[in-house]
Amino acid sequence: MLRITKKVKGIFGRIKGERGFTLVELLIVLAIIGVLASIAVPSITKAVNSAKEKACQANIMAIEAAAHLYYVDNNTYPAKVEDLKDYFKDSEIPECPFGANYEYKIDSTTGEVTHSHTPQQSQ
């Protein structure tokens, strides 16, 4: 006696019992990943830029603190930022987290530090 069984197709045209994913299922997964990436990337970029801005502010505060230490040691504020190298680890003035060139100015009466930065020239 011959028994003929009919295979039943599943929801995406898959034959019941077969393994693997159909092209439609893979495309749906890719679309979902694309939507999630388009949501996540701007948020991550914003967080990175915010962290760099805070690092820049921390650098300025560190330079101001070094200027005040210089004042305690020398009874005058430094004329230029390079005079503060001995007050930093490895004698290095903090660098811009954005990859720009810092230009610091120290007020000789208050020790307040102002800065400006210009984007680095790509070579």
Protein backbone atom coordinates (compact mmCIF):
# COMPACT_ATOMS: atom_id res chain seq x y z
CA MET A 1 0.00 0.00 0.00
CA LEU A 2 1.38 3.28 -1.04
CA ARG A 3 0.87 6.20 1.17
CA ILE A 4 1.16 9.52 -0.49
CA THR A 5 1.60 12.42 1.86
CA LYS A 6 1.26 15.98 0.83
CA LYS A 7 3.83 18.43 2.12
CA VAL A 8 2.30 21.49 3.66
CA LYS A 9 3.83 24.88 2.96
CA GLY A 10 4.59 27.14 5.91
CA ILE A 11 3.97 30.85 6.29
CA PHE A 12 6.77 32.07 3.97
CA GLY A 13 6.44 29.40 1.35
CA ARG A 14 8.74 27.01 3.14
CA ILE A 15 7.93 23.38 2.97
CA LYS A 16 7.31 22.05 6.43
CA GLY A 17 10.25 20.13 7.72
CA GLU A 18 12.90 21.89 5.62
CA ARG A 19 15.66 23.74 7.40
CA GLY A 20 17.14 27.15 6.67
CA PHE A 21 15.84 30.64 6.00
CA THR A 22 14.03 31.92 2.97
CA LEU A 23 15.15 35.00 1.08
CA VAL A 24 12.15 36.93 2.39
CA GLU A 25 13.08 36.17 6.00
CA LEU A 26 16.68 37.27 5.42
CA LEU A 27 15.53 40.52 3.78
CA ILE A 28 13.23 41.27 6.72
CA VAL A 29 16.10 40.75 9.16
CA LEU A 30 18.36 43.02 7.08
CA ALA A 31 15.67 45.71 7.01
CA ILE A 32 15.29 45.54 10.80
CA ILE A 33 19.06 45.81 11.27
CA GLY A 34 19.13 48.80 8.92
CA VAL A 35 16.39 50.59 10.87
CA LEU A 36 18.15 49.92 14.18
CA ALA A 37 21.47 51.16 12.78
CA SER A 38 19.88 54.35 11.44
CA ILE A 39 18.55 55.04 14.93
CA ALA A 40 21.72 54.11 16.84
CA VAL A 41 24.45 55.80 14.77
CA PRO A 42 23.31 59.43 15.34
CA SER A 43 22.94 58.78 19.08
CA ILE A 44 26.42 57.30 19.30
CA THR A 45 27.91 60.19 17.31
CA LYS A 46 26.23 62.70 19.62
CA ALA A 47 27.57 60.90 22.70
CA VAL A 48 31.12 60.84 21.29
CA ASN A 49 31.04 64.57 20.49
CA SER A 50 29.66 65.35 23.95
CA ALA A 51 32.49 63.35 25.55
CA LYS A 52 35.07 65.23 23.47
CA GLU A 53 33.60 68.59 24.50
CA LYS A 54 33.79 67.57 28.16
CA ALA A 55 37.38 66.41 27.68
CA CYS A 56 38.19 69.82 26.18
CA GLN A 57 36.67 71.56 29.23
CA ALA A 58 38.64 69.25 31.55
CA ASN A 59 41.86 70.14 29.69
CA ILE A 60 41.21 73.85 30.21
CA MET A 61 40.52 73.30 33.91
CA ALA A 62 43.77 71.31 34.22
CA ILE A 63 45.73 74.12 32.56
CA GLU A 64 44.12 76.67 34.89
CA ALA A 65 45.03 74.52 37.89
CA ALA A 66 48.61 74.27 36.62
CA ALA A 67 48.69 78.06 36.16
CA HIS A 68 47.62 78.53 39.78
CA LEU A 69 50.31 76.08 40.96
CA TYR A 70 52.82 78.03 38.88
CA TYR A 71 51.62 81.20 40.64
CA VAL A 72 52.13 79.59 44.06
CA ASP A 73 55.69 78.58 43.12
CA ASN A 74 56.73 81.79 41.30
CA ASN A 75 54.42 84.51 42.66
CA THR A 76 53.38 85.34 39.09
CA TYR A 77 51.30 83.67 36.41
CA PRO A 78 53.10 82.17 33.41
CA ALA A 79 53.54 84.25 30.28
CA LYS A 80 52.83 81.29 28.03
CA VAL A 81 51.38 77.82 28.36
CA GLU A 82 54.69 76.15 27.53
CA ASP A 83 55.95 77.35 30.93
CA LEU A 84 53.49 74.89 32.52
CA LYS A 85 54.99 71.72 31.04
CA ASP A 86 56.63 70.75 34.33
CA TYR A 87 53.20 70.70 35.99
CA PHE A 88 51.84 67.94 33.74
CA LYS A 89 52.52 64.23 33.61
CA ASP A 90 55.24 63.48 31.06
CA SER A 91 55.66 67.27 30.63
CA GLU A 92 52.97 67.37 27.94
CA ILE A 93 50.28 70.02 27.61
CA PRO A 94 46.85 68.38 27.04
CA GLU A 95 45.87 67.97 23.39
CA CYS A 96 42.54 68.70 21.76
CA PRO A 97 40.30 65.62 21.63
CA PHE A 98 38.84 66.86 18.32
CA GLY A 99 42.24 66.69 16.63
CA ALA A 100 42.47 70.48 16.39
CA ASN A 101 45.37 72.71 17.34
CA TYR A 102 44.82 74.49 20.66
CA GLU A 103 45.96 78.03 21.22
CA TYR A 104 45.88 78.95 24.91
CA LYS A 105 46.12 82.39 26.46
CA ILE A 106 46.65 82.95 30.16
CA ASP A 107 45.52 86.16 31.82
CA SER A 108 48.61 87.39 33.68
CA THR A 109 46.56 88.89 36.53
CA THR A 110 43.91 86.23 37.22
CA GLY A 111 45.40 83.08 35.71
CA GLU A 112 42.23 82.52 33.70
CA VAL A 113 42.81 80.38 30.62
CA THR A 114 41.08 81.06 27.32
CA HIS A 115 41.56 78.98 24.25
CA SER A 116 40.80 78.78 20.60
CA HIS A 117 41.33 75.88 18.30
CA THR A 118 41.76 75.50 14.59
CA PRO A 119 41.16 72.24 12.72
CA GLN A 120 44.28 70.28 11.91
CA GLN A 121 45.39 70.50 8.31
CA SER A 122 45.19 67.13 6.59
CA GLN A 123 48.34 66.22 4.74
